[in-house]
Amino acid sequence: MPRYRFDLAYNGRDYFGWQRQPKQISVQEEIEKALTRLNSNEPIQVVGCGRTDTGVHAHHYVMHADLSEKVDTEQYIFKLNRMLSDAISIHSMELTSDDFHARFGATERTYRYFIHQKKDPFIHELSWYFPPELDLDNMNKAAALLIGKKDFTSFSKLHTDVKTNICDLRAAKWIDAGDGRIYFEITADRFLRNMVRATVGTLIDVGLGKLQPEDVLDILNKKDRGEASTSVPPQGLFLWKISY
């Protein structure tokens, strides 16, 4: 069966995350239903590059699927996009090797978290409105201390089914985009459940002066989720880029 790689984007507002789950609508479920219809109702399952939580978006997401036969990719994308909701867009599709794996083959993942500090009715579903003044310099000092191969238990959702909480964090930086908009960009080989939102929440407390930059190392070393700050809301979070 030929294997195809799909690159796509989605707005996660109306979905209970990427992964298929009972009694809740997910991005994976909608895509699989559309692919199955295109495949003469022979079931098609897709493998995604990772999970996203309820309400979280993907600027760049990668999945693979094994189809029953080779297809005209241009026509296939056209038909698939017409069947999917406006919240999901397939950007590209290509025949790939049988050993390509969207999840296990990924070498880096980048997330961005967007904040707007001036009220804006046109972006509130894609960014978190947070007007208090923030010290970005201190937030970046704290973020830099997290870089490296470290145990991120303190920033992970409890009781997850992973074998290790060690992640290789390769970049973490706050960026002033102007006009009252800022965003946090973070890159690692892998991420734990809720890790980005917990990290952003903790760095926000640094920016508010509730924590000092060096406090994040103490939080990290305690390996206790209760030591980190509250997670920020999901609407500002985007899976931004997947590298292979």
Protein backbone atom coordinates (compact mmCIF):
# COMPACT_ATOMS: atom_id res chain seq x y z
CA MET A 1 0.00 0.00 0.00
CA PRO A 2 1.52 3.38 -0.97
CA ARG A 3 2.26 5.71 1.94
CA TYR A 4 1.55 9.43 1.65
CA ARG A 5 2.73 12.36 3.73
CA PHE A 6 0.26 15.19 4.30
CA ASP A 7 1.17 18.70 5.52
CA LEU A 8 -1.79 20.61 6.91
CA ALA A 9 -3.04 23.31 9.28
CA TYR A 10 -6.09 23.55 11.51
CA ASN A 11 -7.95 25.86 13.82
CA GLY A 12 -8.53 23.83 16.98
CA ARG A 13 -11.26 25.99 18.50
CA ASP A 14 -14.12 23.55 17.87
CA TYR A 15 -12.17 20.33 18.37
CA PHE A 16 -11.24 18.27 21.41
CA GLY A 17 -7.65 18.09 20.21
CA TRP A 18 -6.01 16.16 17.39
CA GLN A 19 -6.40 12.61 18.66
CA ARG A 20 -9.54 10.54 18.05
CA GLN A 21 -11.48 9.92 21.27
CA PRO A 22 -14.88 8.55 22.29
CA LYS A 23 -17.90 10.88 22.12
CA GLN A 24 -15.85 13.97 21.23
CA ILE A 25 -15.06 15.45 17.84
CA SER A 26 -11.36 15.53 16.97
CA VAL A 27 -9.31 16.68 13.98
CA GLN A 28 -8.11 13.13 13.37
CA GLU A 29 -11.64 11.76 13.27
CA GLU A 30 -12.84 14.32 10.72
CA ILE A 31 -9.87 13.68 8.43
CA GLU A 32 -10.20 9.90 8.68
CA LYS A 33 -13.88 10.06 7.81
CA ALA A 34 -13.14 12.14 4.71
CA LEU A 35 -10.28 9.88 3.61
CA THR A 36 -12.45 6.81 4.08
CA ARG A 37 -15.14 8.29 1.83
CA LEU A 38 -12.52 9.05 -0.81
CA ASN A 39 -11.27 5.48 -0.51
CA SER A 40 -14.64 3.94 -1.51
CA ASN A 41 -15.52 3.62 2.17
CA GLU A 42 -12.58 1.33 2.91
CA PRO A 43 -11.37 2.53 6.35
CA ILE A 44 -8.29 4.76 6.35
CA GLN A 45 -6.35 5.50 9.51
CA VAL A 46 -3.87 8.35 9.79
CA VAL A 47 -0.82 8.74 12.02
CA GLY A 48 -0.12 12.27 13.23
CA CYS A 49 3.11 13.91 14.33
CA GLY A 50 1.75 14.32 17.86
CA ARG A 51 -1.15 15.37 20.02
CA THR A 52 -2.60 18.81 20.48
CA ASP A 53 -4.99 19.54 23.33
CA THR A 54 -8.54 20.85 23.17
CA GLY A 55 -8.66 24.29 21.57
CA VAL A 56 -5.02 24.28 20.44
CA HIS A 57 -4.19 25.09 16.81
CA ALA A 58 -1.65 23.85 14.28
CA HIS A 59 0.08 26.18 11.84
CA HIS A 60 2.04 23.20 10.51
CA TYR A 61 1.02 19.61 11.18
CA VAL A 62 2.23 16.43 9.48
CA MET A 63 0.46 13.10 9.18
CA HIS A 64 0.83 9.96 7.08
CA ALA A 65 -1.64 7.47 5.70
CA ASP A 66 -1.45 4.27 3.69
CA LEU A 67 -3.86 4.36 0.74
CA SER A 68 -5.11 1.41 -1.28
CA GLU A 69 -3.55 2.72 -4.51
CA LYS A 70 -1.51 5.57 -5.94
CA VAL A 71 -3.50 8.74 -6.58
CA ASP A 72 -3.28 12.06 -8.39
CA THR A 73 -2.18 14.17 -5.40
CA GLU A 74 -3.38 17.48 -6.81
CA GLN A 75 -6.90 16.19 -7.40
CA TYR A 76 -6.88 14.30 -4.11
CA ILE A 77 -6.03 17.44 -2.12
CA PHE A 78 -8.74 19.37 -3.96
CA LYS A 79 -11.40 16.77 -3.15
CA LEU A 80 -10.24 16.30 0.44
CA ASN A 81 -10.27 20.04 1.18
CA ARG A 82 -13.81 20.31 -0.18
CA MET A 83 -14.95 17.56 2.19
CA LEU A 84 -13.25 18.97 5.29
CA SER A 85 -14.56 21.85 7.38
CA ASP A 86 -13.17 25.35 6.92
CA ALA A 87 -11.12 24.79 10.10
CA ILE A 88 -8.84 22.23 8.40
CA SER A 89 -6.67 22.84 5.35
CA ILE A 90 -4.48 20.28 3.56
CA HIS A 91 -1.51 22.16 2.10
CA SER A 92 0.44 19.38 0.43
CA MET A 93 0.51 15.64 -0.15
CA GLU A 94 3.33 13.51 -1.45
CA LEU A 95 4.18 9.88 -1.98
CA THR A 96 6.81 8.88 0.55
CA SER A 97 8.81 5.85 1.60
CA ASP A 98 7.18 2.97 3.43
CA ASP A 99 9.30 3.66 6.50
CA PHE A 100 8.35 7.34 6.82
CA HIS A 101 6.64 7.91 10.17
CA ALA A 102 5.00 11.24 10.95
CA ARG A 103 5.48 10.88 14.70
CA PHE A 104 8.67 8.91 15.26
CA GLY A 105 10.51 10.45 12.33
CA ALA A 106 10.19 14.02 13.58
CA THR A 107 13.44 15.47 14.92
CA GLU A 108 12.19 18.84 16.19
CA ARG A 109 8.92 20.48 17.08
CA THR A 110 8.33 24.21 17.47
CA TYR A 111 5.42 25.85 19.26
CA ARG A 112 4.37 29.47 19.46
CA TYR A 113 2.15 31.05 22.09
CA PHE A 114 0.52 34.35 21.14
CA ILE A 115 -0.54 37.14 23.53
CA HIS A 116 -2.18 40.47 22.70
CA GLN A 117 -2.16 43.25 25.27
CA LYS A 118 -4.56 45.54 23.45
CA LYS A 119 -8.11 44.27 23.23
CA ASP A 120 -8.80 43.07 19.69
CA PRO A 121 -12.08 41.34 18.71
CA PHE A 122 -10.52 39.89 15.55
CA ILE A 123 -7.80 37.79 17.15
CA HIS A 124 -9.24 36.77 20.52
CA GLU A 125 -9.81 33.19 19.30
CA LEU A 126 -6.17 32.86 18.20
CA SER A 127 -4.37 34.78 20.93
CA TRP A 128 -4.71 35.32 24.68
CA TYR A 129 -5.73 38.80 25.81
CA PHE A 130 -3.49 39.65 28.76
CA PRO A 131 -3.10 43.42 29.35
CA PRO A 132 -0.77 43.62 32.40
CA GLU A 133 2.71 45.00 31.73
CA LEU A 134 5.37 42.30 31.40
CA ASP A 135 9.16 42.38 31.78
CA LEU A 136 10.23 40.57 28.61
CA ASP A 137 13.93 40.84 29.50
CA ASN A 138 13.45 38.86 32.69
CA MET A 139 11.14 36.42 30.91
CA ASN A 140 13.86 35.75 28.35
CA LYS A 141 16.50 35.34 31.07
CA ALA A 142 14.27 32.71 32.69
CA ALA A 143 13.52 30.99 29.38
CA ALA A 144 17.23 30.69 28.60
CA LEU A 145 17.79 28.78 31.85
CA LEU A 146 15.43 26.04 30.66
CA ILE A 147 17.44 25.26 27.50
CA GLY A 148 19.18 21.90 27.45
CA LYS A 149 18.39 18.24 28.04
CA LYS A 150 16.43 18.31 31.29
CA ASP A 151 13.62 16.68 33.23
CA PHE A 152 10.43 18.73 32.70
CA THR A 153 8.19 16.88 35.16
CA SER A 154 7.33 20.18 36.87
CA PHE A 155 5.83 21.45 33.61
CA SER A 156 3.97 18.27 32.62
CA LYS A 157 0.42 17.15 33.10
CA LEU A 158 0.24 14.46 35.78
CA HIS A 159 -0.26 10.74 35.11
CA THR A 160 0.71 10.69 31.44
CA ASP A 161 1.74 7.48 29.66
CA VAL A 162 5.29 8.45 28.69
CA LYS A 163 8.46 6.54 29.59
CA THR A 164 10.54 9.63 30.36
CA ASN A 165 9.98 13.31 31.13
CA ILE A 166 13.40 14.32 29.78
CA CYS A 167 13.25 16.70 26.80
CA ASP A 168 16.03 18.35 24.82
CA LEU A 169 14.94 22.00 24.81
CA ARG A 170 16.86 23.72 22.01
CA ALA A 171 15.41 27.24 21.89
CA ALA A 172 13.04 29.36 23.98
CA LYS A 173 12.47 33.06 23.43
CA TRP A 174 9.91 35.82 23.87
CA ILE A 175 9.47 38.12 20.89
CA ASP A 176 7.89 41.57 20.77
CA ALA A 177 5.87 41.67 17.53
CA GLY A 178 4.81 45.29 18.02
CA ASP A 179 1.42 46.95 18.47
CA GLY A 180 0.85 45.27 21.81
CA ARG A 181 1.48 41.75 20.54
CA ILE A 182 4.07 39.32 21.86
CA TYR A 183 4.70 35.64 21.40
CA PHE A 184 6.79 32.87 22.88
CA GLU A 185 8.61 30.44 20.57
CA ILE A 186 9.97 27.17 21.91
CA THR A 187 11.70 24.28 20.13
CA ALA A 188 12.55 20.81 21.43
CA ASP A 189 12.95 17.24 20.27
CA ARG A 190 9.71 16.36 22.09
CA PHE A 191 7.16 17.92 24.42
CA LEU A 192 5.17 16.59 27.36
CA ARG A 193 1.42 17.02 27.78
CA ASN A 194 0.62 20.62 28.74
CA MET A 195 4.34 21.48 28.88
CA VAL A 196 4.24 24.61 26.74
CA ARG A 197 1.21 26.14 28.45
CA ALA A 198 2.66 25.46 31.92
CA THR A 199 6.00 26.93 30.86
CA VAL A 200 4.34 30.06 29.48
CA GLY A 201 2.29 30.47 32.66
CA THR A 202 5.43 30.26 34.79
CA LEU A 203 7.33 32.73 32.60
CA ILE A 204 4.37 35.11 32.77
CA ASP A 205 4.77 35.12 36.55
CA VAL A 206 8.42 36.04 36.03
CA GLY A 207 7.29 38.90 33.80
CA LEU A 208 4.88 40.09 36.50
CA GLY A 209 7.62 40.05 39.14
CA LYS A 210 6.03 37.21 41.11
CA LEU A 211 9.06 35.03 40.36
CA GLN A 212 12.71 35.80 39.66
CA PRO A 213 14.35 34.32 36.55
CA GLU A 214 16.49 31.92 38.57
CA ASP A 215 13.37 30.56 40.33
CA VAL A 216 12.50 28.53 37.23
CA LEU A 217 15.52 26.30 37.86
CA ASP A 218 14.32 25.58 41.40
CA ILE A 219 10.90 24.72 40.00
CA LEU A 220 12.45 22.46 37.38
CA ASN A 221 14.67 20.66 39.88
CA LYS A 222 11.78 19.89 42.25
CA LYS A 223 10.08 17.73 39.58
CA ASP A 224 6.68 18.66 40.96
CA ARG A 225 3.87 20.08 38.78
CA GLY A 226 2.52 21.88 41.85
CA GLU A 227 5.62 24.09 41.94
CA ALA A 228 5.03 25.63 38.48
CA SER A 229 2.41 28.26 37.70
CA THR A 230 -1.08 27.80 36.30
CA SER A 231 -1.25 26.86 32.63
CA VAL A 232 -2.31 29.59 30.22
CA PRO A 233 -5.50 29.20 28.10
CA PRO A 234 -5.30 27.04 24.94
CA GLN A 235 -6.39 29.53 22.27
CA GLY A 236 -2.99 31.24 22.02
CA LEU A 237 -1.05 28.03 21.39
CA PHE A 238 0.01 26.86 17.93
CA LEU A 239 2.05 23.87 16.87
CA TRP A 240 4.17 25.96 14.54
CA LYS A 241 6.64 23.74 12.72
CA ILE A 242 7.67 20.09 12.44
CA SER A 243 11.15 19.14 11.22
CA TYR A 244 12.37 15.80 9.87
